[in-house]
Amino acid sequence: MKVKKGLLDILKGKFLVDGDSPKNWLFIIFASFLAAIMISSSHSADRKVHKIAALNERVKELKNEFVDGRSDLQQLKLESTITSTVAEKGLFPSENPPQKIKVKSTKGSK
């Protein structure tokens, strides 16, 4: 009977208007404040998770772009590519190999 009466008092909200109500109101306001902080923190964490996922995707894109650029550069540095590019401009490889030029220096001469 006592449990039934206590449950009925809670459902009617008597604890909010009784003599101890200021203490109950303070607790309700405090609990509501903590709930609002918890919800705000949760939303902030979700935003950060989404931002991290987007940044990771961007990093993958940039890595792929870098690898493509590096392979293009390696292709352009090949001797055959350079030879064909300069051949279009009328330059051809020399048929005679280069020769070393030796310079003899005499020490002490002015």
PDB file of N, CA and C in Angstrom:
ATOM      1  N   MET A   1       0.832  -1.200   0.000  1.00  0.00           N
ATOM      2  CA  MET A   1       0.000   0.000   0.000  1.00  0.00           C
ATOM      3  C   MET A   1       0.871   1.256   0.000  1.00  0.00           C
ATOM      4  N   LYS A   2       1.937   1.225   0.822  1.00  0.00           N
ATOM      5  CA  LYS A   2       2.805   2.382   0.935  1.00  0.00           C
ATOM      6  C   LYS A   2       3.559   2.608  -0.387  1.00  0.00           C
ATOM      7  N   VAL A   3       3.996   1.520  -1.028  1.00  0.00           N
ATOM      8  CA  VAL A   3       4.705   1.622  -2.296  1.00  0.00           C
ATOM      9  C   VAL A   3       3.760   2.170  -3.361  1.00  0.00           C
ATOM     10  N   LYS A   4       2.533   1.706  -3.342  1.00  0.00           N
ATOM     11  CA  LYS A   4       1.538   2.160  -4.306  1.00  0.00           C
ATOM     12  C   LYS A   4       1.266   3.650  -4.127  1.00  0.00           C
ATOM     13  N   LYS A   5       1.172   4.115  -2.853  1.00  0.00           N
ATOM     14  CA  LYS A   5       0.926   5.524  -2.574  1.00  0.00           C
ATOM     15  C   LYS A   5       2.127   6.366  -3.010  1.00  0.00           C
ATOM     16  N   GLY A   6       3.362   5.880  -2.757  1.00  0.00           N
ATOM     17  CA  GLY A   6       4.564   6.611  -3.158  1.00  0.00           C
ATOM     18  C   GLY A   6       4.670   6.724  -4.666  1.00  0.00           C
ATOM     19  N   LEU A   7       4.350   5.672  -5.388  1.00  0.00           N
ATOM     20  CA  LEU A   7       4.391   5.699  -6.849  1.00  0.00           C
ATOM     21  C   LEU A   7       3.327   6.652  -7.387  1.00  0.00           C
ATOM     22  N   LEU A   8       2.171   6.654  -6.760  1.00  0.00           N
ATOM     23  CA  LEU A   8       1.087   7.547  -7.170  1.00  0.00           C
ATOM     24  C   LEU A   8       1.461   9.007  -6.916  1.00  0.00           C
ATOM     25  N   ASP A   9       2.138   9.277  -5.803  1.00  0.00           N
ATOM     26  CA  ASP A   9       2.595  10.642  -5.501  1.00  0.00           C
ATOM     27  C   ASP A   9       3.615  11.119  -6.538  1.00  0.00           C
ATOM     28  N   ILE A  10       4.515  10.231  -6.968  1.00  0.00           N
ATOM     29  CA  ILE A  10       5.513  10.600  -7.985  1.00  0.00           C
ATOM     30  C   ILE A  10       4.813  10.899  -9.303  1.00  0.00           C
ATOM     31  N   LEU A  11       3.863  10.069  -9.680  1.00  0.00           N
ATOM     32  CA  LEU A  11       3.147  10.285 -10.942  1.00  0.00           C
ATOM     33  C   LEU A  11       2.333  11.582 -10.919  1.00  0.00           C
ATOM     34  N   LYS A  12       1.784  11.936  -9.776  1.00  0.00           N
ATOM     35  CA  LYS A  12       1.026  13.183  -9.667  1.00  0.00           C
ATOM     36  C   LYS A  12       1.939  14.397  -9.557  1.00  0.00           C
ATOM     37  N   GLY A  13       3.204  14.194  -9.203  1.00  0.00           N
ATOM     38  CA  GLY A  13       4.148  15.301  -9.104  1.00  0.00           C
ATOM     39  C   GLY A  13       4.111  16.001  -7.773  1.00  0.00           C
ATOM     40  N   LYS A  14       3.665  15.327  -6.726  1.00  0.00           N
ATOM     41  CA  LYS A  14       3.580  15.948  -5.410  1.00  0.00           C
ATOM     42  C   LYS A  14       4.955  16.322  -4.860  1.00  0.00           C
ATOM     43  N   PHE A  15       6.001  15.609  -5.300  1.00  0.00           N
ATOM     44  CA  PHE A  15       7.347  15.906  -4.803  1.00  0.00           C
ATOM     45  C   PHE A  15       7.824  17.276  -5.285  1.00  0.00           C
ATOM     46  N   LEU A  16       7.136  17.850  -6.280  1.00  0.00           N
ATOM     47  CA  LEU A  16       7.524  19.167  -6.785  1.00  0.00           C
ATOM     48  C   LEU A  16       6.836  20.315  -6.058  1.00  0.00           C
ATOM     49  N   VAL A  17       5.818  20.007  -5.286  1.00  0.00           N
ATOM     50  CA  VAL A  17       5.088  21.075  -4.600  1.00  0.00           C
ATOM     51  C   VAL A  17       5.063  20.914  -3.075  1.00  0.00           C
ATOM     52  N   ASP A  18       5.671  19.861  -2.563  1.00  0.00           N
ATOM     53  CA  ASP A  18       5.717  19.645  -1.119  1.00  0.00           C
ATOM     54  C   ASP A  18       6.699  20.610  -0.472  1.00  0.00           C
ATOM     55  N   GLY A  19       6.910  20.453   0.837  1.00  0.00           N
ATOM     56  CA  GLY A  19       7.810  21.320   1.597  1.00  0.00           C
ATOM     57  C   GLY A  19       9.267  21.180   1.170  1.00  0.00           C
ATOM     58  N   ASP A  20       9.701  20.007   0.711  1.00  0.00           N
ATOM     59  CA  ASP A  20      11.084  19.789   0.273  1.00  0.00           C
ATOM     60  C   ASP A  20      11.276  20.075  -1.213  1.00  0.00           C
ATOM     61  N   SER A  21      10.333  20.735  -1.817  1.00  0.00           N
ATOM     62  CA  SER A  21      10.381  20.924  -3.276  1.00  0.00           C
ATOM     63  C   SER A  21      11.576  21.745  -3.768  1.00  0.00           C
ATOM     64  N   PRO A  22      12.065  22.788  -3.060  1.00  0.00           N
ATOM     65  CA  PRO A  22      13.236  23.511  -3.596  1.00  0.00           C
ATOM     66  C   PRO A  22      14.450  22.585  -3.778  1.00  0.00           C
ATOM     67  N   LYS A  23      14.646  21.656  -2.853  1.00  0.00           N
ATOM     68  CA  LYS A  23      15.747  20.707  -2.974  1.00  0.00           C
ATOM     69  C   LYS A  23      15.529  19.807  -4.191  1.00  0.00           C
ATOM     70  N   ASN A  24      14.300  19.380  -4.394  1.00  0.00           N
ATOM     71  CA  ASN A  24      13.991  18.526  -5.553  1.00  0.00           C
ATOM     72  C   ASN A  24      14.159  19.293  -6.863  1.00  0.00           C
ATOM     73  N   TRP A  25      13.718  20.544  -6.878  1.00  0.00           N
ATOM     74  CA  TRP A  25      13.859  21.355  -8.092  1.00  0.00           C
ATOM     75  C   TRP A  25      15.334  21.570  -8.439  1.00  0.00           C
ATOM     76  N   LEU A  26      16.157  21.834  -7.431  1.00  0.00           N
ATOM     77  CA  LEU A  26      17.585  22.010  -7.680  1.00  0.00           C
ATOM     78  C   LEU A  26      18.203  20.746  -8.282  1.00  0.00           C
ATOM     79  N   PHE A  27      17.806  19.597  -7.754  1.00  0.00           N
ATOM     80  CA  PHE A  27      18.333  18.347  -8.293  1.00  0.00           C
ATOM     81  C   PHE A  27      17.872  18.149  -9.743  1.00  0.00           C
ATOM     82  N   ILE A  28      16.627  18.459 -10.031  1.00  0.00           N
ATOM     83  CA  ILE A  28      16.103  18.302 -11.398  1.00  0.00           C
ATOM     84  C   ILE A  28      16.835  19.246 -12.349  1.00  0.00           C
ATOM     85  N   ILE A  29      17.052  20.477 -11.932  1.00  0.00           N
ATOM     86  CA  ILE A  29      17.775  21.435 -12.781  1.00  0.00           C
ATOM     87  C   ILE A  29      19.216  20.965 -12.995  1.00  0.00           C
ATOM     88  N   PHE A  30      19.852  20.471 -11.927  1.00  0.00           N
ATOM     89  CA  PHE A  30      21.221  19.969 -12.045  1.00  0.00           C
ATOM     90  C   PHE A  30      21.291  18.768 -12.998  1.00  0.00           C
ATOM     91  N   ALA A  31      20.359  17.835 -12.865  1.00  0.00           N
ATOM     92  CA  ALA A  31      20.339  16.652 -13.728  1.00  0.00           C
ATOM     93  C   ALA A  31      20.081  17.065 -15.185  1.00  0.00           C
ATOM     94  N   SER A  32      19.207  18.052 -15.400  1.00  0.00           N
ATOM     95  CA  SER A  32      18.929  18.536 -16.755  1.00  0.00           C
ATOM     96  C   SER A  32      20.166  19.199 -17.355  1.00  0.00           C
ATOM     97  N   PHE A  33      20.878  19.965 -16.536  1.00  0.00           N
ATOM     98  CA  PHE A  33      22.107  20.613 -16.999  1.00  0.00           C
ATOM     99  C   PHE A  33      23.156  19.570 -17.408  1.00  0.00           C
ATOM    100  N   LEU A  34      23.320  18.542 -16.582  1.00  0.00           N
ATOM    101  CA  LEU A  34      24.272  17.476 -16.917  1.00  0.00           C
ATOM    102  C   LEU A  34      23.851  16.739 -18.195  1.00  0.00           C
ATOM    103  N   ALA A  35      22.549  16.512 -18.372  1.00  0.00           N
ATOM    104  CA  ALA A  35      22.065  15.841 -19.590  1.00  0.00           C
ATOM    105  C   ALA A  35      22.341  16.696 -20.820  1.00  0.00           C
ATOM    106  N   ALA A  36      22.155  18.012 -20.701  1.00  0.00           N
ATOM    107  CA  ALA A  36      22.423  18.907 -21.838  1.00  0.00           C
ATOM    108  C   ALA A  36      23.912  18.899 -22.188  1.00  0.00           C
ATOM    109  N   ILE A  37      24.762  18.901 -21.179  1.00  0.00           N
ATOM    110  CA  ILE A  37      26.214  18.845 -21.429  1.00  0.00           C
ATOM    111  C   ILE A  37      26.588  17.522 -22.097  1.00  0.00           C
ATOM    112  N   MET A  38      26.004  16.434 -21.639  1.00  0.00           N
ATOM    113  CA  MET A  38      26.298  15.125 -22.213  1.00  0.00           C
ATOM    114  C   MET A  38      25.856  15.054 -23.678  1.00  0.00           C
ATOM    115  N   ILE A  39      24.683  15.581 -23.990  1.00  0.00           N
ATOM    116  CA  ILE A  39      24.189  15.585 -25.375  1.00  0.00           C
ATOM    117  C   ILE A  39      25.083  16.451 -26.243  1.00  0.00           C
ATOM    118  N   SER A  40      25.463  17.607 -25.748  1.00  0.00           N
ATOM    119  CA  SER A  40      26.348  18.497 -26.502  1.00  0.00           C
ATOM    120  C   SER A  40      27.696  17.842 -26.768  1.00  0.00           C
ATOM    121  N   SER A  41      28.240  17.181 -25.764  1.00  0.00           N
ATOM    122  CA  SER A  41      29.518  16.489 -25.920  1.00  0.00           C
ATOM    123  C   SER A  41      29.420  15.364 -26.946  1.00  0.00           C
ATOM    124  N   SER A  42      28.334  14.655 -26.923  1.00  0.00           N
ATOM    125  CA  SER A  42      28.121  13.562 -27.882  1.00  0.00           C
ATOM    126  C   SER A  42      28.056  14.089 -29.310  1.00  0.00           C
ATOM    127  N   HIS A  43      27.332  15.184 -29.524  1.00  0.00           N
ATOM    128  CA  HIS A  43      27.240  15.781 -30.864  1.00  0.00           C
ATOM    129  C   HIS A  43      28.610  16.289 -31.319  1.00  0.00           C
ATOM    130  N   SER A  44      29.354  16.873 -30.400  1.00  0.00           N
ATOM    131  CA  SER A  44      30.691  17.360 -30.740  1.00  0.00           C
ATOM    132  C   SER A  44      31.597  16.201 -31.152  1.00  0.00           C
ATOM    133  N   ALA A  45      31.535  15.093 -30.434  1.00  0.00           N
ATOM    134  CA  ALA A  45      32.341  13.921 -30.772  1.00  0.00           C
ATOM    135  C   ALA A  45      31.942  13.366 -32.141  1.00  0.00           C
ATOM    136  N   ASP A  46      30.644  13.331 -32.436  1.00  0.00           N
ATOM    137  CA  ASP A  46      30.185  12.853 -33.747  1.00  0.00           C
ATOM    138  C   ASP A  46      30.717  13.735 -34.869  1.00  0.00           C
ATOM    139  N   ARG A  47      30.685  15.053 -34.667  1.00  0.00           N
ATOM    140  CA  ARG A  47      31.210  15.970 -35.689  1.00  0.00           C
ATOM    141  C   ARG A  47      32.697  15.715 -35.927  1.00  0.00           C
ATOM    142  N   LYS A  48      33.435  15.495 -34.850  1.00  0.00           N
ATOM    143  CA  LYS A  48      34.872  15.246 -34.985  1.00  0.00           C
ATOM    144  C   LYS A  48      35.140  13.934 -35.707  1.00  0.00           C
ATOM    145  N   VAL A  49      34.347  12.909 -35.436  1.00  0.00           N
ATOM    146  CA  VAL A  49      34.515  11.622 -36.118  1.00  0.00           C
ATOM    147  C   VAL A  49      34.272  11.783 -37.610  1.00  0.00           C
ATOM    148  N   HIS A  50      33.231  12.514 -37.982  1.00  0.00           N
ATOM    149  CA  HIS A  50      32.943  12.738 -39.400  1.00  0.00           C
ATOM    150  C   HIS A  50      34.053  13.549 -40.058  1.00  0.00           C
ATOM    151  N   LYS A  51      34.573  14.538 -39.353  1.00  0.00           N
ATOM    152  CA  LYS A  51      35.652  15.348 -39.910  1.00  0.00           C
ATOM    153  C   LYS A  51      36.911  14.507 -40.106  1.00  0.00           C
ATOM    154  N   ILE A  52      37.226  13.651 -39.157  1.00  0.00           N
ATOM    155  CA  ILE A  52      38.397  12.776 -39.274  1.00  0.00           C
ATOM    156  C   ILE A  52      38.239  11.833 -40.457  1.00  0.00           C
ATOM    157  N   ALA A  53      37.045  11.289 -40.644  1.00  0.00           N
ATOM    158  CA  ALA A  53      36.808  10.385 -41.774  1.00  0.00           C
ATOM    159  C   ALA A  53      36.990  11.128 -43.098  1.00  0.00           C
ATOM    160  N   ALA A  54      36.487  12.363 -43.172  1.00  0.00           N
ATOM    161  CA  ALA A  54      36.639  13.150 -44.403  1.00  0.00           C
ATOM    162  C   ALA A  54      38.111  13.478 -44.653  1.00  0.00           C
ATOM    163  N   LEU A  55      38.848  13.803 -43.604  1.00  0.00           N
ATOM    164  CA  LEU A  55      40.274  14.107 -43.768  1.00  0.00           C
ATOM    165  C   LEU A  55      41.066  12.869 -44.181  1.00  0.00           C
ATOM    166  N   ASN A  56      40.718  11.712 -43.644  1.00  0.00           N
ATOM    167  CA  ASN A  56      41.388  10.478 -44.062  1.00  0.00           C
ATOM    168  C   ASN A  56      41.129  10.188 -45.533  1.00  0.00           C
ATOM    169  N   GLU A  57      39.913  10.441 -45.978  1.00  0.00           N
ATOM    170  CA  GLU A  57      39.582  10.253 -47.403  1.00  0.00           C
ATOM    171  C   GLU A  57      40.406  11.213 -48.260  1.00  0.00           C
ATOM    172  N   ARG A  58      40.546  12.435 -47.813  1.00  0.00           N
ATOM    173  CA  ARG A  58      41.342  13.426 -48.555  1.00  0.00           C
ATOM    174  C   ARG A  58      42.816  13.014 -48.606  1.00  0.00           C
ATOM    175  N   VAL A  59      43.328  12.460 -47.510  1.00  0.00           N
ATOM    176  CA  VAL A  59      44.720  11.986 -47.488  1.00  0.00           C
ATOM    177  C   VAL A  59      44.911  10.874 -48.514  1.00  0.00           C
ATOM    178  N   LYS A  60      43.951   9.957 -48.606  1.00  0.00           N
ATOM    179  CA  LYS A  60      44.047   8.879 -49.593  1.00  0.00           C
ATOM    180  C   LYS A  60      44.067   9.440 -51.003  1.00  0.00           C
ATOM    181  N   GLU A  61      43.210  10.428 -51.267  1.00  0.00           N
ATOM    182  CA  GLU A  61      43.178  11.050 -52.594  1.00  0.00           C
ATOM    183  C   GLU A  61      44.512  11.714 -52.921  1.00  0.00           C
ATOM    184  N   LEU A  62      45.069  12.430 -51.964  1.00  0.00           N
ATOM    185  CA  LEU A  62      46.347  13.110 -52.190  1.00  0.00           C
ATOM    186  C   LEU A  62      47.490  12.122 -52.388  1.00  0.00           C
ATOM    187  N   LYS A  63      47.469  11.007 -51.664  1.00  0.00           N
ATOM    188  CA  LYS A  63      48.504   9.993 -51.857  1.00  0.00           C
ATOM    189  C   LYS A  63      48.419   9.405 -53.260  1.00  0.00           C
ATOM    190  N   ASN A  64      47.192   9.126 -53.711  1.00  0.00           N
ATOM    191  CA  ASN A  64      47.021   8.596 -55.064  1.00  0.00           C
ATOM    192  C   ASN A  64      47.492   9.602 -56.108  1.00  0.00           C
ATOM    193  N   GLU A  65      47.178  10.857 -55.886  1.00  0.00           N
ATOM    194  CA  GLU A  65      47.602  11.914 -56.809  1.00  0.00           C
ATOM    195  C   GLU A  65      49.133  12.006 -56.833  1.00  0.00           C
ATOM    196  N   PHE A  66      49.769  11.879 -55.683  1.00  0.00           N
ATOM    197  CA  PHE A  66      51.225  11.925 -55.606  1.00  0.00           C
ATOM    198  C   PHE A  66      51.849  10.756 -56.362  1.00  0.00           C
ATOM    199  N   VAL A  67      51.299   9.561 -56.175  1.00  0.00           N
ATOM    200  CA  VAL A  67      51.832   8.380 -56.857  1.00  0.00           C
ATOM    201  C   VAL A  67      51.676   8.532 -58.369  1.00  0.00           C
ATOM    202  N   ASP A  68      50.538   9.053 -58.819  1.00  0.00           N
ATOM    203  CA  ASP A  68      50.336   9.281 -60.256  1.00  0.00           C
ATOM    204  C   ASP A  68      51.338  10.287 -60.792  1.00  0.00           C
ATOM    205  N   GLY A  69      51.550  11.355 -60.064  1.00  0.00           N
ATOM    206  CA  GLY A  69      52.511  12.376 -60.490  1.00  0.00           C
ATOM    207  C   GLY A  69      53.930  11.837 -60.538  1.00  0.00           C
ATOM    208  N   ARG A  70      54.283  11.035 -59.543  1.00  0.00           N
ATOM    209  CA  ARG A  70      55.629  10.463 -59.507  1.00  0.00           C
ATOM    210  C   ARG A  70      55.851   9.494 -60.672  1.00  0.00           C
ATOM    211  N   SER A  71      54.845   8.677 -60.989  1.00  0.00           N
ATOM    212  CA  SER A  71      55.006   7.744 -62.112  1.00  0.00           C
ATOM    213  C   SER A  71      55.075   8.498 -63.436  1.00  0.00           C
ATOM    214  N   ASP A  72      54.306   9.578 -63.567  1.00  0.00           N
ATOM    215  CA  ASP A  72      54.394  10.409 -64.787  1.00  0.00           C
ATOM    216  C   ASP A  72      55.785  11.022 -64.914  1.00  0.00           C
ATOM    217  N   LEU A  73      56.325  11.498 -63.804  1.00  0.00           N
ATOM    218  CA  LEU A  73      57.664  12.092 -63.817  1.00  0.00           C
ATOM    219  C   LEU A  73      58.716  11.058 -64.201  1.00  0.00           C
ATOM    220  N   GLN A  74      58.625   9.863 -63.664  1.00  0.00           N
ATOM    221  CA  GLN A  74      59.581   8.812 -64.009  1.00  0.00           C
ATOM    222  C   GLN A  74      59.494   8.472 -65.492  1.00  0.00           C
ATOM    223  N   GLN A  75      58.295   8.477 -66.031  1.00  0.00           N
ATOM    224  CA  GLN A  75      58.111   8.207 -67.457  1.00  0.00           C
ATOM    225  C   GLN A  75      58.759   9.315 -68.288  1.00  0.00           C
ATOM    226  N   LEU A  76      58.606  10.563 -67.855  1.00  0.00           N
ATOM    227  CA  LEU A  76      59.178  11.685 -68.602  1.00  0.00           C
ATOM    228  C   LEU A  76      60.704  11.701 -68.523  1.00  0.00           C
ATOM    229  N   LYS A  77      61.281  11.140 -67.479  1.00  0.00           N
ATOM    230  CA  LYS A  77      62.732  11.150 -67.307  1.00  0.00           C
ATOM    231  C   LYS A  77      63.430  10.053 -68.107  1.00  0.00           C
ATOM    232  N   LEU A  78      62.683   9.138 -68.701  1.00  0.00           N
ATOM    233  CA  LEU A  78      63.297   8.062 -69.472  1.00  0.00           C
ATOM    234  C   LEU A  78      64.006   8.622 -70.703  1.00  0.00           C
ATOM    235  N   GLU A  79      65.136   7.998 -71.053  1.00  0.00           N
ATOM    236  CA  GLU A  79      65.930   8.477 -72.196  1.00  0.00           C
ATOM    237  C   GLU A  79      65.138   8.403 -73.491  1.00  0.00           C
ATOM    238  N   SER A  80      64.341   7.373 -73.649  1.00  0.00           N
ATOM    239  CA  SER A  80      63.559   7.238 -74.882  1.00  0.00           C
ATOM    240  C   SER A  80      62.532   8.361 -75.022  1.00  0.00           C
ATOM    241  N   THR A  81      61.926   8.758 -73.927  1.00  0.00           N
ATOM    242  CA  THR A  81      60.949   9.853 -73.960  1.00  0.00           C
ATOM    243  C   THR A  81      61.632  11.159 -74.300  1.00  0.00           C
ATOM    244  N   ILE A  82      62.779  11.401 -73.680  1.00  0.00           N
ATOM    245  CA  ILE A  82      63.519  12.644 -73.950  1.00  0.00           C
ATOM    246  C   ILE A  82      63.990  12.668 -75.400  1.00  0.00           C
ATOM    247  N   THR A  83      64.492  11.534 -75.903  1.00  0.00           N
ATOM    248  CA  THR A  83      64.975  11.464 -77.285  1.00  0.00           C
ATOM    249  C   THR A  83      63.845  11.748 -78.270  1.00  0.00           C
ATOM    250  N   SER A  84      62.686  11.168 -78.048  1.00  0.00           N
ATOM    251  CA  SER A  84      61.573  11.404 -78.970  1.00  0.00           C
ATOM    252  C   SER A  84      61.068  12.846 -78.883  1.00  0.00           C
ATOM    253  N   THR A  85      61.119  13.446 -77.688  1.00  0.00           N
ATOM    254  CA  THR A  85      60.666  14.832 -77.532  1.00  0.00           C
ATOM    255  C   THR A  85      61.595  15.801 -78.248  1.00  0.00           C
ATOM    256  N   VAL A  86      62.906  15.621 -78.118  1.00  0.00           N
ATOM    257  CA  VAL A  86      63.833  16.540 -78.772  1.00  0.00           C
ATOM    258  C   VAL A  86      63.957  16.237 -80.265  1.00  0.00           C
ATOM    259  N   ALA A  87      63.634  15.014 -80.682  1.00  0.00           N
ATOM    260  CA  ALA A  87      63.664  14.683 -82.107  1.00  0.00           C
ATOM    261  C   ALA A  87      62.609  15.486 -82.863  1.00  0.00           C
ATOM    262  N   GLU A  88      61.491  15.776 -82.212  1.00  0.00           N
ATOM    263  CA  GLU A  88      60.445  16.597 -82.831  1.00  0.00           C
ATOM    264  C   GLU A  88      60.938  18.012 -83.082  1.00  0.00           C
ATOM    265  N   LYS A  89      61.919  18.453 -82.317  1.00  0.00           N
ATOM    266  CA  LYS A  89      62.461  19.806 -82.467  1.00  0.00           C
ATOM    267  C   LYS A  89      63.708  19.823 -83.348  1.00  0.00           C
ATOM    268  N   GLY A  90      64.050  18.678 -83.928  1.00  0.00           N
ATOM    269  CA  GLY A  90      65.175  18.621 -84.847  1.00  0.00           C
ATOM    270  C   GLY A  90      66.499  18.285 -84.197  1.00  0.00           C
ATOM    271  N   LEU A  91      66.509  17.860 -82.972  1.00  0.00           N
ATOM    272  CA  LEU A  91      67.754  17.476 -82.291  1.00  0.00           C
ATOM    273  C   LEU A  91      67.841  15.954 -82.235  1.00  0.00           C
ATOM    274  N   PHE A  92      69.023  15.440 -82.533  1.00  0.00           N
ATOM    275  CA  PHE A  92      69.223  13.996 -82.520  1.00  0.00           C
ATOM    276  C   PHE A  92      70.444  13.670 -81.679  1.00  0.00           C
ATOM    277  N   PRO A  93      70.523  12.456 -81.157  1.00  0.00           N
ATOM    278  CA  PRO A  93      71.688  12.082 -80.352  1.00  0.00           C
ATOM    279  C   PRO A  93      72.949  12.062 -81.220  1.00  0.00           C
ATOM    280  N   SER A  94      74.056  12.369 -80.607  1.00  0.00           N
ATOM    281  CA  SER A  94      75.330  12.386 -81.313  1.00  0.00           C
ATOM    282  C   SER A  94      75.748  10.961 -81.653  1.00  0.00           C
ATOM    283  N   GLU A  95      76.325  10.816 -82.824  1.00  0.00           N
ATOM    284  CA  GLU A  95      76.794   9.487 -83.213  1.00  0.00           C
ATOM    285  C   GLU A  95      78.202   9.238 -82.683  1.00  0.00           C
ATOM    286  N   ASN A  96      78.934  10.285 -82.375  1.00  0.00           N
ATOM    287  CA  ASN A  96      80.276  10.159 -81.796  1.00  0.00           C
ATOM    288  C   ASN A  96      80.170  10.290 -80.281  1.00  0.00           C
ATOM    289  N   PRO A  97      80.801   9.397 -79.568  1.00  0.00           N
ATOM    290  CA  PRO A  97      80.727   9.509 -78.108  1.00  0.00           C
ATOM    291  C   PRO A  97      81.486  10.739 -77.622  1.00  0.00           C
ATOM    292  N   PRO A  98      81.130  11.259 -76.493  1.00  0.00           N
ATOM    293  CA  PRO A  98      81.830  12.435 -75.963  1.00  0.00           C
ATOM    294  C   PRO A  98      83.273  12.085 -75.589  1.00  0.00           C
ATOM    295  N   GLN A  99      84.119  13.091 -75.669  1.00  0.00           N
ATOM    296  CA  GLN A  99      85.525  12.905 -75.328  1.00  0.00           C
ATOM    297  C   GLN A  99      85.856  13.734 -74.099  1.00  0.00           C
ATOM    298  N   LYS A 100      86.757  13.188 -73.288  1.00  0.00           N
ATOM    299  CA  LYS A 100      87.190  13.913 -72.100  1.00  0.00           C
ATOM    300  C   LYS A 100      88.216  14.955 -72.497  1.00  0.00           C
ATOM    301  N   ILE A 101      88.095  16.101 -71.907  1.00  0.00           N
ATOM    302  CA  ILE A 101      89.080  17.160 -72.124  1.00  0.00           C
ATOM    303  C   ILE A 101      89.948  17.204 -70.887  1.00  0.00           C
ATOM    304  N   LYS A 102      91.233  17.020 -71.114  1.00  0.00           N
ATOM    305  CA  LYS A 102      92.172  17.020 -69.991  1.00  0.00           C
ATOM    306  C   LYS A 102      92.910  18.345 -69.994  1.00  0.00           C
ATOM    307  N   VAL A 103      92.922  18.997 -68.868  1.00  0.00           N
ATOM    308  CA  VAL A 103      93.594  20.266 -68.713  1.00  0.00           C
ATOM    309  C   VAL A 103      94.794  20.052 -67.818  1.00  0.00           C
ATOM    310  N   LYS A 104      95.942  20.397 -68.345  1.00  0.00           N
ATOM    311  CA  LYS A 104      97.167  20.289 -67.543  1.00  0.00           C
ATOM    312  C   LYS A 104      97.448  21.628 -66.938  1.00  0.00           C
ATOM    313  N   SER A 105      97.551  21.639 -65.649  1.00  0.00           N
ATOM    314  CA  SER A 105      97.841  22.889 -64.978  1.00  0.00           C
ATOM    315  C   SER A 105      99.254  22.864 -64.437  1.00  0.00           C
ATOM    316  N   THR A 106      99.869  23.987 -64.525  1.00  0.00           N
ATOM    317  CA  THR A 106     101.211  24.090 -63.976  1.00  0.00           C
ATOM    318  C   THR A 106     101.131  24.914 -62.714  1.00  0.00           C
ATOM    319  N   LYS A 107     101.582  24.312 -61.667  1.00  0.00           N
ATOM    320  CA  LYS A 107     101.510  25.009 -60.385  1.00  0.00           C
ATOM    321  C   LYS A 107     102.651  26.009 -60.293  1.00  0.00           C
ATOM    322  N   GLY A 108     102.339  27.127 -59.736  1.00  0.00           N
ATOM    323  CA  GLY A 108     103.367  28.126 -59.521  1.00  0.00           C
ATOM    324  C   GLY A 108     103.452  29.123 -60.647  1.00  0.00           C
ATOM    325  N   SER A 109     102.830  28.928 -61.771  1.00  0.00           N
ATOM    326  CA  SER A 109     102.901  29.926 -62.846  1.00  0.00           C
ATOM    327  C   SER A 109     101.835  30.976 -62.628  1.00  0.00           C
ATOM    328  N   LYS A 110     102.194  32.190 -62.939  1.00  0.00           N
ATOM    329  CA  LYS A 110     101.280  33.302 -62.724  1.00  0.00           C
ATOM    330  C   LYS A 110     100.770  33.835 -64.004  1.00  0.00           C
TER     331      LYS A 110
END
